Protein backbone atom coordinates (compact mmCIF):
# COMPACT_ATOMS: atom_id res chain seq x y z
CA MET A 1 162.45 129.51 89.03
CA PRO A 2 161.54 126.35 87.10
CA PHE A 3 157.61 125.56 86.56
CA CYS A 4 155.33 122.61 86.15
CA ASN A 5 154.38 122.06 82.25
CA LYS A 6 150.63 121.17 83.42
CA CYS A 7 149.82 123.58 86.34
CA GLY A 8 152.29 126.09 86.17
CA ASN A 9 153.19 125.15 90.14
CA LYS A 10 156.78 126.54 90.93
CA LEU A 11 159.24 123.94 91.71
CA THR A 12 162.84 123.19 93.13
CA LYS A 13 165.88 122.09 91.22
CA GLU A 14 165.11 119.16 93.51
CA ASP A 15 161.89 117.83 92.31
CA VAL A 16 160.92 114.51 90.61
CA PHE A 17 156.87 115.11 90.57
CA CYS A 18 155.57 118.41 90.91
CA PRO A 19 153.98 118.94 94.08
CA GLU A 20 150.61 120.68 93.42
CA CYS A 21 149.23 118.00 90.91
CA GLY A 22 151.84 114.96 90.78
CA THR A 23 152.83 115.19 87.45
CA PRO A 24 156.41 114.29 86.91
CA VAL A 25 159.03 116.96 86.07
CA LYS A 26 160.39 116.58 82.51
CA ALA A 27 161.16 119.79 81.45
CA VAL A 28 160.26 122.96 83.02
CA THR A 29 159.76 126.23 80.91
CA PRO A 30 159.00 129.78 82.00
CA ALA A 31 156.37 130.72 84.46
CA PRO A 32 153.15 130.96 82.44
CA LYS A 33 151.37 134.36 81.94
CA PHE A 34 148.32 134.70 83.19
CA GLU A 35 145.34 137.16 82.13
CA GLU A 36 143.18 138.90 84.92
CA PRO A 37 140.31 136.53 84.64
CA VAL A 38 136.47 137.48 84.61
CA GLN A 39 135.89 137.99 88.71
CA ASP A 40 133.00 135.38 89.95
CA GLU A 41 133.27 134.67 93.83
CA PHE A 42 131.47 131.44 93.21
CA LYS A 43 133.75 129.62 90.87
CA THR A 44 137.45 128.94 91.00
CA GLN A 45 139.76 130.78 89.19
CA ILE A 46 142.91 130.54 87.57
CA ARG A 47 145.09 133.17 89.33
CA ALA A 48 148.49 134.01 89.76
CA ASP A 49 148.26 136.20 92.68
CA LYS A 50 146.15 134.18 95.00
CA HIS A 51 146.73 129.94 95.20
CA VAL A 52 143.89 128.92 97.23
CA TYR A 53 143.91 126.02 94.84
CA GLY A 54 146.73 126.93 92.95
CA VAL A 55 146.30 126.91 89.03
CA VAL A 56 143.77 124.13 89.04
CA ASN A 57 140.00 124.54 87.95
CA LEU A 58 138.48 122.15 90.39
CA GLU A 59 135.54 122.46 87.95
CA ASN A 60 137.63 120.73 85.30
CA LEU A 61 140.50 119.02 86.71
CA PRO A 62 142.69 117.43 84.26
CA LYS A 63 142.54 113.26 83.56
CA ASP A 64 145.26 111.72 85.52
CA HIS A 65 145.72 114.83 88.12
CA ILE A 66 146.54 113.03 91.67
CA ILE A 67 145.33 114.01 94.72
CA ASP A 68 146.68 113.64 98.16
CA GLU A 69 148.58 111.39 96.39
CA ARG A 70 145.86 108.98 96.56
CA TYR A 71 142.75 109.69 94.15
CA GLU A 72 143.85 108.93 90.28
CA ILE A 73 141.48 111.35 88.15
CA LYS A 74 140.10 108.96 85.14
CA GLU A 75 137.00 111.54 84.28
CA LYS A 76 133.99 114.72 85.63
CA LEU A 77 130.89 112.62 85.72
CA GLY A 78 128.88 115.62 86.30
CA GLN A 79 128.36 119.06 87.83
CA GLY A 80 125.21 120.11 89.58
CA GLY A 81 124.55 121.98 92.76
CA PHE A 82 127.06 120.74 95.00
CA GLY A 83 130.17 121.29 92.47
CA ALA A 84 131.82 118.59 90.04
CA VAL A 85 132.19 115.54 90.66
CA TYR A 86 134.87 113.23 89.28
CA LEU A 87 135.33 109.15 88.55
CA ALA A 88 138.90 108.30 90.69
CA TYR A 89 140.73 105.00 91.13
CA ASP A 90 141.83 104.81 94.87
CA GLN A 91 145.44 104.00 94.30
CA VAL A 92 145.12 102.69 98.39
CA MET A 93 142.41 100.37 97.93
CA GLY A 94 142.44 99.84 94.39
CA ILE A 95 138.80 100.35 93.32
CA ASP A 96 136.88 103.43 91.60
CA LYS A 97 135.07 105.93 93.97
CA ALA A 98 133.40 109.04 93.22
CA LEU A 99 134.52 112.39 94.54
CA LYS A 100 132.35 115.19 94.97
CA ILE A 101 134.77 118.51 95.01
CA ILE A 102 133.31 121.23 97.58
CA PRO A 103 133.35 124.40 96.04
CA GLU A 104 135.48 126.99 96.77
CA ALA A 105 133.19 129.39 97.76
CA VAL A 106 131.84 126.81 100.43
CA SER A 107 135.55 125.64 101.55
CA SER A 108 136.70 129.36 102.59
CA ASP A 109 132.56 129.51 104.81
CA LYS A 110 133.64 128.44 108.23
CA GLU A 111 130.06 127.75 109.04
CA ALA A 112 129.30 125.70 105.75
CA MET A 113 132.30 123.49 106.61
CA PHE A 114 130.92 122.28 110.10
CA ASP A 115 127.86 121.69 108.54
CA LEU A 116 129.04 120.07 106.11
CA GLN A 117 131.29 118.00 108.37
CA GLN A 118 128.04 117.02 110.69
CA GLU A 119 125.90 115.90 107.83
CA ALA A 120 128.85 113.84 106.27
CA ARG A 121 129.22 112.03 109.49
CA THR A 122 125.96 111.27 109.51
CA MET A 123 125.77 109.79 105.92
CA ILE A 124 129.23 107.66 106.78
CA ALA A 125 126.95 106.27 109.45
CA LEU A 126 124.41 104.36 107.02
CA ASN A 127 124.79 101.54 105.18
CA HIS A 128 122.64 99.56 102.92
CA SER A 129 122.58 98.09 99.90
CA ASN A 130 119.79 100.95 98.54
CA ILE A 131 122.08 103.95 99.36
CA VAL A 132 125.22 105.19 97.70
CA ARG A 133 127.72 104.93 100.48
CA VAL A 134 129.49 107.51 102.02
CA TYR A 135 133.37 106.72 102.94
CA ASN A 136 135.34 109.62 104.45
CA PHE A 137 135.26 113.54 104.81
CA HIS A 138 138.37 115.38 103.63
CA ASN A 139 138.74 118.69 104.56
CA SER A 140 142.63 119.47 104.56
CA GLY A 141 145.13 120.19 101.72
CA ASN A 142 144.05 122.37 98.57
CA ILE A 143 141.50 120.39 97.49
CA LYS A 144 138.44 119.52 99.83
CA TYR A 145 136.12 116.76 98.71
CA ILE A 146 133.91 113.71 99.86
CA ASP A 147 134.92 110.61 98.01
CA MET A 148 131.63 108.18 97.72
CA GLU A 149 131.00 104.76 96.47
CA TYR A 150 131.20 105.03 92.74
CA VAL A 151 128.09 103.87 90.75
CA ASP A 152 127.73 102.28 87.26
CA GLY A 153 124.66 102.26 85.06
CA LYS A 154 122.20 104.69 84.62
CA THR A 155 119.75 106.98 86.58
CA LEU A 156 116.38 106.94 86.13
CA SER A 157 116.05 109.87 84.27
CA GLU A 158 118.05 107.98 81.66
CA ILE A 159 115.82 105.31 81.76
CA LYS A 160 113.09 106.15 81.04
CA LEU A 161 113.94 107.52 77.99
CA GLU A 162 114.55 103.65 76.77
CA TYR A 163 110.31 103.54 76.35
CA PRO A 164 108.31 104.95 74.08
CA ASP A 165 106.51 108.50 75.11
CA LYS A 166 109.05 108.15 78.45
CA CYS A 167 106.72 105.84 80.33
CA VAL A 168 108.18 103.37 82.06
CA PRO A 169 105.92 99.88 82.32
CA GLU A 170 104.29 99.55 85.25
CA GLU A 171 105.82 96.49 86.61
CA ARG A 172 109.00 97.69 86.44
CA VAL A 173 107.97 101.09 88.07
CA LYS A 174 106.36 98.61 90.69
CA LYS A 175 109.76 96.89 91.51
CA LEU A 176 112.10 100.01 91.35
CA ALA A 177 109.77 101.82 93.79
CA ILE A 178 109.86 99.22 96.52
CA LYS A 179 113.58 99.05 96.16
CA ILE A 180 113.43 102.77 96.95
CA ALA A 181 111.13 102.84 99.48
CA GLU A 182 113.63 100.30 100.86
CA GLY A 183 116.19 102.15 101.35
CA MET A 184 114.18 105.27 102.02
CA ALA A 185 112.34 103.93 104.92
CA TYR A 186 116.56 102.61 106.29
CA VAL A 187 116.95 106.59 106.31
CA HIS A 188 114.02 108.06 107.85
CA GLU A 189 114.79 105.20 110.53
CA SER A 190 117.87 107.00 111.37
CA ASN A 191 116.37 110.37 111.31
CA VAL A 192 118.11 111.56 107.88
CA LEU A 193 115.96 113.02 104.93
CA HIS A 194 116.75 113.19 101.66
CA GLU A 195 115.18 116.50 100.60
CA ASP A 196 115.44 116.07 96.97
CA ILE A 197 114.43 112.92 95.60
CA LYS A 198 114.06 112.35 91.77
CA PRO A 199 115.00 110.28 89.14
CA GLN A 200 118.39 112.08 88.49
CA ASN A 201 119.61 111.24 92.15
CA ILE A 202 118.66 107.90 91.59
CA LYS A 203 120.71 104.94 90.39
CA GLU A 204 120.06 101.47 88.73
CA ASN A 205 123.59 100.05 88.61
CA SER A 206 124.80 96.79 86.20
CA LYS A 207 123.41 94.61 88.65
CA GLY A 208 120.19 95.93 88.63
CA GLU A 209 120.71 97.48 91.99
CA ILE A 210 118.96 100.80 93.24
CA LYS A 211 121.28 103.44 94.67
CA ILE A 212 119.53 106.69 95.84
CA MET A 213 122.29 109.38 95.77
CA ASP A 214 122.86 112.90 97.01
CA PHE A 215 121.50 113.08 100.53
CA GLY A 216 121.86 115.76 103.35
CA ILE A 217 125.29 116.68 102.02
CA ALA A 218 124.41 117.98 98.58
CA GLU A 219 121.17 119.83 100.45
CA THR A 220 123.66 121.67 102.65
CA VAL A 221 126.10 122.77 100.25
CA ARG A 222 122.97 123.65 98.06
CA THR A 223 122.07 125.95 101.15
CA SER A 224 125.41 127.57 102.08
CA MET A 225 125.38 128.21 98.19
CA SER A 226 121.97 130.20 99.01
CA ARG A 227 122.93 131.74 102.03
CA LEU A 228 126.21 133.34 100.26
CA GLN A 229 124.08 134.24 96.90
CA ASN A 230 120.92 135.49 99.00
CA SER A 231 119.07 132.97 97.11
CA SER A 232 116.43 130.16 97.87
CA SER A 233 117.17 126.80 98.01
CA SER A 234 116.25 123.16 98.63
CA GLY A 235 115.28 120.81 96.57
CA THR A 236 113.86 120.73 92.97
CA LEU A 237 110.89 122.57 92.52
CA VAL A 238 108.55 119.67 90.26
CA TYR A 239 109.14 117.37 92.60
CA MET A 240 109.09 119.94 95.79
CA SER A 241 105.59 119.05 98.69
CA PRO A 242 103.55 122.00 99.11
CA GLU A 243 105.13 122.42 102.62
CA GLN A 244 108.74 122.40 101.21
CA ILE A 245 107.14 125.55 98.96
CA LEU A 246 105.64 126.97 102.38
CA GLY A 247 109.25 126.41 104.11
CA LYS A 248 107.73 124.91 107.15
CA ASN A 249 106.68 121.69 108.56
CA VAL A 250 109.50 120.16 105.98
CA GLY A 251 109.56 116.14 107.42
CA ARG A 252 108.96 112.33 106.41
CA GLU A 253 106.38 113.29 104.79
CA SER A 254 107.59 115.68 102.17
CA ASP A 255 109.91 112.81 100.69
CA ILE A 256 106.87 110.75 100.47
CA TYR A 257 105.22 113.26 98.55
CA SER A 258 108.72 113.81 96.30
CA PHE A 259 108.60 109.92 95.68
CA GLY A 260 105.34 110.13 94.54
CA ALA A 261 106.22 112.76 92.04
CA LEU A 262 109.11 110.37 90.70
CA ILE A 263 106.82 107.36 90.73
CA TYR A 264 104.23 109.96 88.95
CA GLU A 265 107.10 110.41 85.98
CA LEU A 266 108.60 107.60 85.41
CA LEU A 267 104.70 106.23 85.07
CA SER A 268 103.43 108.91 82.63
CA GLY A 269 106.46 110.78 81.47
CA HIS A 270 106.48 113.64 83.54
CA PRO A 271 106.03 114.91 87.43
CA PRO A 272 102.45 115.67 88.08
CA PHE A 273 102.69 119.31 87.32
CA TYR A 274 105.65 120.59 84.97
CA ARG A 275 104.39 123.78 82.88
CA GLY A 276 102.88 127.28 83.88
CA ASP A 277 102.95 128.00 87.48
CA ILE A 278 103.55 125.07 89.43
CA SER A 279 104.27 126.40 92.62
CA TYR A 280 100.75 127.30 92.27
CA GLN A 281 99.80 124.13 91.20
CA ILE A 282 101.51 122.20 93.80
CA LEU A 283 99.50 124.12 96.21
CA ASN A 284 96.26 123.99 94.63
CA VAL A 285 95.66 122.23 91.92
CA GLN A 286 94.81 118.56 92.43
CA GLN A 287 96.89 116.49 89.57
CA GLU A 288 95.45 114.36 86.92
CA LYS A 289 94.90 110.71 87.34
CA LEU A 290 96.69 108.38 85.27
CA ILE A 291 94.70 106.34 83.07
CA GLY A 292 95.81 103.05 82.21
CA ILE A 293 97.18 101.93 85.50
CA SER A 294 96.38 99.32 88.51
CA GLN A 295 93.72 100.59 91.03
CA SER A 296 95.84 99.41 94.07
CA LEU A 297 99.26 102.06 92.47
CA SER A 298 96.90 104.61 91.49
CA ASN A 299 95.64 104.76 94.83
CA THR A 300 99.38 104.73 96.51
CA LEU A 301 100.05 107.64 94.82
CA GLU A 302 97.22 109.72 96.04
CA LYS A 303 97.91 109.05 99.05
CA CYS A 304 101.74 110.15 98.41
CA LEU A 305 100.51 113.38 96.58
CA GLU A 306 98.14 113.98 99.20
CA LYS A 307 98.52 118.17 99.43
CA ASP A 308 97.99 117.92 103.45
CA TYR A 309 101.08 116.48 104.70
CA GLN A 310 98.85 115.14 107.47
CA ASN A 311 96.80 112.67 105.11
CA ARG A 312 99.41 111.30 103.41
CA ILE A 313 100.81 108.07 103.93
CA LYS A 314 103.04 108.09 106.98
CA ASP A 315 106.25 106.60 106.26
CA PHE A 316 107.58 104.63 103.96
CA GLU A 317 107.18 101.08 105.40
CA SER A 318 103.32 101.79 104.48
CA VAL A 319 104.17 102.38 100.94
CA ILE A 320 106.16 99.21 100.62
CA MET A 321 103.11 97.50 102.11
CA THR A 322 100.80 99.19 99.67
CA LEU A 323 103.48 98.36 96.46
CA GLN A 324 103.35 94.31 97.69
CA SER A 325 101.57 93.49 93.99
CA ARG A 326 102.79 89.95 93.78
CA LYS A 327 100.80 87.36 92.43
CA ASP A 328 99.15 84.43 94.45
CA LYS A 329 102.18 81.85 93.30
CA ALA A 330 101.35 79.61 96.17
CA THR A 331 98.18 78.78 96.70
CA ASN A 332 95.21 78.52 93.81
CA ILE A 333 93.74 76.26 97.22
CA LYS A 334 91.75 73.73 95.53
CA ILE A 335 88.07 73.62 97.75
CA ILE A 336 86.09 70.61 97.23
CA LYS A 337 82.35 70.39 98.51
CA ASP A 338 82.05 68.27 100.62
CA GLU A 339 77.97 67.33 99.65
CA THR A 340 77.46 65.19 103.32
CA GLU A 341 75.36 66.36 105.24
CA GLN A 342 77.33 69.03 107.94
CA LYS A 343 76.92 68.88 111.50
CA PRO A 344 76.56 71.97 113.12
CA VAL A 345 79.69 73.10 115.55
CA LYS A 346 78.78 74.03 119.02
CA LEU A 347 81.09 77.04 119.98
CA THR A 348 83.02 77.22 123.32
CA ASN A 349 84.88 80.54 123.57
CA ILE A 350 87.64 80.16 126.12
CA VAL A 351 88.70 83.01 128.13
CA SER A 352 92.43 84.02 129.65
CA GLU A 353 91.52 84.81 133.20
CA PHE A 354 94.89 87.17 132.83
CA SER A 355 95.33 88.55 129.55
CA GLY A 356 91.35 88.44 128.61
CA ILE A 357 92.29 86.62 125.16
CA GLU A 358 89.72 84.55 124.21
CA MET A 359 90.03 81.46 122.12
CA VAL A 360 87.00 79.93 119.34
CA TYR A 361 87.18 75.97 119.37
CA VAL A 362 87.38 74.66 115.65
CA GLU A 363 86.51 71.15 114.97
CA GLY A 364 89.38 69.00 112.96
CA GLY A 365 88.43 68.13 109.63
CA GLU A 366 90.37 67.68 106.80
CA PHE A 367 91.80 70.90 104.23
CA ASP A 368 93.23 71.07 100.40
CA ILE A 369 96.00 73.25 100.87
CA GLY A 370 99.20 73.55 97.96
CA SER A 371 99.03 74.42 94.18
CA ASN A 372 99.61 72.81 90.93
CA ASN A 373 101.24 75.48 89.44
CA GLY A 374 104.71 73.85 89.48
CA VAL A 375 106.43 76.66 92.04
CA LYS A 376 108.99 74.60 94.23
CA GLY A 377 107.77 73.46 97.76
CA GLU A 378 104.27 74.46 97.62
CA THR A 379 103.41 71.65 95.11
CA PRO A 380 101.06 69.50 94.47
CA VAL A 381 97.90 70.18 95.88
CA HIS A 382 97.02 67.93 98.86
CA ARG A 383 94.74 67.34 101.36
CA VAL A 384 95.67 67.80 105.04
CA LYS A 385 94.05 66.61 108.15
CA LEU A 386 93.45 68.55 111.61
CA GLY A 387 93.01 67.86 114.72
CA ASP A 388 90.38 69.68 117.29
CA LEU A 389 92.10 73.15 118.18
CA LEU A 390 91.29 76.59 119.29
CA ILE A 391 91.85 79.81 117.97
CA GLY A 392 92.40 82.85 118.81
CA LYS A 393 88.42 85.17 118.12
CA TYR A 394 90.52 88.15 117.32
CA PRO A 395 94.40 89.38 116.77
CA ILE A 396 96.25 90.09 120.10
CA THR A 397 95.93 93.85 121.08
CA GLN A 398 98.13 95.98 122.52
CA GLU A 399 96.24 95.77 125.90
CA GLN A 400 96.78 91.76 125.91
CA TYR A 401 100.28 92.29 124.00
CA GLU A 402 101.21 94.68 127.27
CA LYS A 403 99.59 92.36 129.73
CA VAL A 404 101.92 89.41 128.71
CA THR A 405 105.42 91.59 127.45
CA GLY A 406 105.29 94.80 129.42
CA LYS A 407 105.38 96.76 126.65
CA ASN A 408 104.01 97.74 123.57
CA PRO A 409 105.56 98.02 119.99
CA SER A 410 102.59 99.64 118.00
CA ARG A 411 102.80 102.38 115.80
CA PHE A 412 99.43 103.36 116.71
CA LYS A 413 99.70 103.28 120.08
CA GLY A 414 97.29 106.00 122.28
CA ILE A 415 94.38 105.65 119.87
CA ASP A 416 92.93 102.51 121.45
CA LYS A 417 93.89 99.59 122.83
CA ASN A 418 91.97 97.54 121.99
CA MET A 419 93.24 97.79 117.86
CA PRO A 420 95.35 95.09 117.03
CA VAL A 421 99.28 94.86 118.58
CA GLU A 422 101.32 95.62 115.81
CA ARG A 423 105.20 96.34 115.08
CA VAL A 424 105.90 92.83 115.98
CA THR A 425 108.43 90.43 114.18
CA TRP A 426 107.95 86.66 113.90
CA TYR A 427 110.18 85.92 117.45
CA ASP A 428 108.62 88.92 119.33
CA ALA A 429 105.06 86.72 118.59
CA ILE A 430 106.49 83.21 119.47
CA ASP A 431 108.11 84.95 122.51
CA PHE A 432 104.41 85.61 122.88
CA CYS A 433 103.32 82.39 123.33
CA ASN A 434 105.68 81.03 125.44
CA LYS A 435 104.99 84.01 127.79
CA MET A 436 101.36 83.58 127.47
CA SER A 437 101.85 79.86 128.28
CA LYS A 438 104.08 80.11 131.48
CA ILE A 439 101.20 82.76 132.55
CA GLU A 440 98.90 80.20 131.57
CA GLY A 441 100.92 77.25 133.22
CA LEU A 442 100.90 75.40 130.10
CA ASN A 443 103.62 73.65 128.58
CA GLN A 444 105.84 76.06 126.17
CA CYS A 445 105.76 74.96 122.50
CA TYR A 446 108.21 76.69 121.28
CA SER A 447 112.59 76.55 122.26
CA ILE A 448 114.68 79.10 121.46
CA SER A 449 118.50 79.07 120.80
CA ASP A 450 120.74 81.42 118.68
CA ASN A 451 117.43 82.02 116.63
CA ASP A 452 116.95 78.93 116.01
CA VAL A 453 113.46 78.10 116.73
CA ILE A 454 111.94 74.34 117.18
CA CYS A 455 108.15 74.27 117.84
CA ASP A 456 106.98 71.13 119.55
CA PHE A 457 103.45 70.44 118.32
CA GLU A 458 101.83 67.72 121.24
CA GLN A 459 102.72 70.25 123.98
CA ASN A 460 99.35 71.87 125.05
CA GLY A 461 100.67 75.68 124.96
CA TYR A 462 100.25 78.75 122.14
CA ARG A 463 101.77 78.84 119.58
CA LEU A 464 101.48 80.28 116.37
CA PRO A 465 98.81 78.84 113.84
CA LEU A 466 99.88 77.24 110.91
CA GLU A 467 99.30 78.09 107.36
CA ALA A 468 96.71 75.33 107.19
CA GLU A 469 94.87 75.75 110.39
CA TRP A 470 94.80 79.25 109.84
CA GLY A 471 93.17 78.50 106.20
CA PHE A 472 91.06 76.42 107.63
CA ALA A 473 89.81 78.76 110.23
CA ALA A 474 89.26 81.92 107.77
CA GLN A 475 86.99 79.38 105.42
CA SER A 476 84.99 78.99 109.11
CA GLY A 477 86.01 74.90 109.22
CA ASN A 478 83.43 72.22 108.56
CA ASN A 479 80.84 74.65 108.52
CA LYS A 480 82.92 76.13 105.41
CA ASP A 481 82.70 79.51 103.93
CA TYR A 482 82.82 79.63 100.22
CA PHE A 483 83.91 83.35 99.98
CA HIS A 484 87.30 84.74 98.99
CA PHE A 485 87.16 86.79 102.37
CA SER A 486 86.58 85.09 105.83
CA GLY A 487 83.14 85.64 106.53
CA SER A 488 81.84 86.71 103.34
CA GLU A 489 81.91 87.82 99.70
CA ASN A 490 81.20 91.54 100.33
CA ILE A 491 84.90 92.42 101.92
CA ASP A 492 83.77 95.11 103.14
CA LEU A 493 81.70 93.60 105.72
CA VAL A 494 84.43 91.68 107.11
CA CYS A 495 87.72 93.34 106.27
CA TRP A 496 89.67 96.50 107.00
CA TYR A 497 91.65 97.49 103.76
CA ASN A 498 93.11 100.56 102.39
CA VAL A 499 89.49 101.70 100.74
CA ASN A 500 87.89 101.89 104.24
CA SER A 501 90.85 101.85 107.30
CA ASN A 502 91.54 105.69 106.87
CA TYR A 503 95.75 104.30 106.66
CA GLN A 504 95.46 102.84 110.18
CA PRO A 505 94.20 99.58 112.36
CA GLN A 506 91.05 99.71 113.73
CA LYS A 507 89.80 98.27 117.01
CA VAL A 508 89.08 94.31 116.75
CA GLY A 509 85.64 93.15 116.51
CA LEU A 510 84.22 95.61 114.32
CA LYS A 511 83.43 94.33 111.63
CA ASN A 512 81.56 90.78 110.89
CA PRO A 513 82.95 87.42 111.73
CA ASN A 514 82.72 84.48 109.95
CA LYS A 515 80.69 81.40 110.72
CA LEU A 516 82.85 80.07 113.89
CA GLY A 517 82.90 83.79 115.20
CA ILE A 518 86.25 84.56 114.38
CA TYR A 519 86.89 88.29 113.36
CA ASP A 520 89.45 90.43 111.21
CA MET A 521 90.86 87.32 109.66
CA SER A 522 90.95 89.39 106.57
CA GLY A 523 92.37 92.76 106.99
CA ASN A 524 93.07 94.34 110.07
CA VAL A 525 97.25 93.09 110.43
CA TRP A 526 98.70 90.74 108.64
CA GLU A 527 98.99 87.71 110.69
CA TRP A 528 102.05 85.45 111.67
CA CYS A 529 101.86 81.86 111.18
CA TRP A 530 104.36 79.29 112.17
CA ASP A 531 105.30 77.66 108.42
CA ARG A 532 108.09 78.88 106.39
CA PHE A 533 107.46 80.47 102.69
CA GLY A 534 107.57 77.58 99.99
CA ASN A 535 107.02 74.77 102.02
CA PHE A 536 103.67 73.39 104.13
CA LYS A 537 105.96 70.97 105.85
CA HIS A 538 106.20 72.81 109.12
CA THR A 539 109.17 70.49 109.82
CA SER A 540 110.50 71.36 106.77
CA GLU A 541 114.15 73.24 107.06
CA HIS A 542 114.50 75.50 103.69
CA GLY A 543 114.31 78.80 103.74
CA VAL A 544 113.87 81.52 105.95
CA MET A 545 111.43 83.36 104.86
CA ARG A 546 108.08 83.22 107.23
CA LEU A 547 104.97 83.49 106.23
CA LEU A 548 101.80 85.93 106.58
CA LYS A 549 98.18 86.08 105.62
CA GLY A 550 95.19 88.02 105.74
CA GLY A 551 96.17 91.18 104.47
CA SER A 552 96.07 94.77 106.49
CA TRP A 553 94.63 98.13 106.57
CA LEU A 554 97.04 98.50 104.26
CA SER A 555 96.79 96.22 101.30
CA ASN A 556 94.17 96.44 98.94
CA GLY A 557 91.35 93.89 98.31
CA GLU A 558 93.70 91.38 96.40
CA PHE A 559 96.21 90.28 99.38
CA CYS A 560 93.08 90.21 102.27
CA LYS A 561 91.72 87.28 100.21
CA ILE A 562 92.06 83.33 102.34
CA ASP A 563 94.19 82.39 99.54
CA TYR A 564 96.54 85.01 99.37
CA ARG A 565 100.54 84.13 100.98
CA LEU A 566 102.65 86.98 101.79
CA ASP A 567 106.51 85.97 102.67
CA SER A 568 108.58 88.10 104.98
CA TYR A 569 112.15 87.70 107.22
CA PRO A 570 111.23 86.93 110.55
CA LYS A 571 112.93 90.16 112.23
CA THR A 572 110.80 92.53 109.57
CA ILE A 573 109.26 95.31 111.67
CA TYR A 574 106.11 96.74 110.14
CA SER A 575 102.84 98.86 111.41
CA SER A 576 100.98 95.96 109.28
CA PHE A 577 102.24 92.98 110.86
CA GLY A 578 100.42 91.31 113.84
CA PHE A 579 99.61 87.65 115.05
CA ARG A 580 96.79 85.37 116.75
CA LEU A 581 97.46 82.24 118.94
CA VAL A 582 96.48 78.46 118.56
CA ARG A 583 96.23 76.49 121.17
CA ASN A 584 96.09 72.07 121.00
CA LYS A 585 92.60 71.12 122.18
């Protein structure tokens, strides 16, 4: 009986290729002699008696080995709790993929394979630019495996070695952290946990894109192996949350803790606890505060690494907002003091009988807006003339939004309906304006078709403020306040932000107003404006990003300044995004 030169598989005289490994049959040799191996029930053995996987060692597949007449092994990429991972060429699709080979101990366990199949189905449905794609789960044939997106580049563990003392600069850490948080926000919205966030599981590819690897699939394999070995699993100790160590209450907050430990390591060169009794320290010892980083990032780390999961930042959407540290390129608004005597403005509050929305009268005037820093679409500083208008005394509350639309999308609902509505998109705010106008018998300002919105500023209905209108009202209009925040230079008097908000929005009107009697223009929730980001002319068709002003309960003080500008896609949903109304007088 002939045997394959490469793998030793039995051949027939008619075989041109080895049916086991795909090697061309050039010559045959006598059957190889096998020595009895040292028994290890969790590793694939080269055995002559049982051919579960033939004589191929799953942890050392040879180059050019062919799996399922499709995948050509190019090289081994690594070995972990999951098993061996290989770079393979997909001959059908014509691309490289990563193959995760399922260990024999797992593939022969029906319960483990059932769990693994369920996890694979979940991951196959996910599609995000910051997550490694899972394409298919192969549980037939001699070799069981999962084929996935192949990611070139370096892991964060490798990247930190490029810097002195393995400490990555803060600005790069923030950029990496935001991309990781965006990917994690997406999977959490899909009710998927990671449970093992660490530098080795995150790669930056050659295009600078972040790819998060090893989600629930790897955890299922580790759990199955642990059950078979009667050992513990779940996560890597130095990145594990207190509740993970205790084995209870493991939810989204646990991933946020691990994320915080990861960011801490990138900044300092090591995780918060990495020597001595690590479990005890994670449960009982406060991590050392990092020196030489911004206060805002320090605050974010502390909130991510809270021992009690109930005190942590609640979701990655919130994490993203706290990490928004882009400097304000767009403003440098030049306020020119008018030395002429200002006439007092008599405020006239108009209240909607239906919704209870209060509107404050703002006398028209002139306002300087723009910058001279060379940013396209924002130069030069120029003076705009504004007509009289009415602007909301407060941001729209949950109660008001529910009265008009019949729904409340807020994350923090059920606490106080006088808290600002949040988790509204720019389109939601536009729709609210039109519905409110119709209820009041006013002409609608917006016409909408296929997500294209046109605003008729001559109509008398409700609409979102222009940035110039928002800034003019925040600075108290013709009663000008020369403050960084709306109503005061003391942020705590007028603003709910990450230092005093207890990490949630607060009931409107509790802080001091500005001179026009307008509340919460600094902090509480970001407020959508009509403007496209990067161009002050409301008739512009440049860009798709929309502008938000004022900062929020999640923001540090810098973001709550009147001049600061934030951009976001109009369909973005965050628990810190709200809005207020304006009307032409």
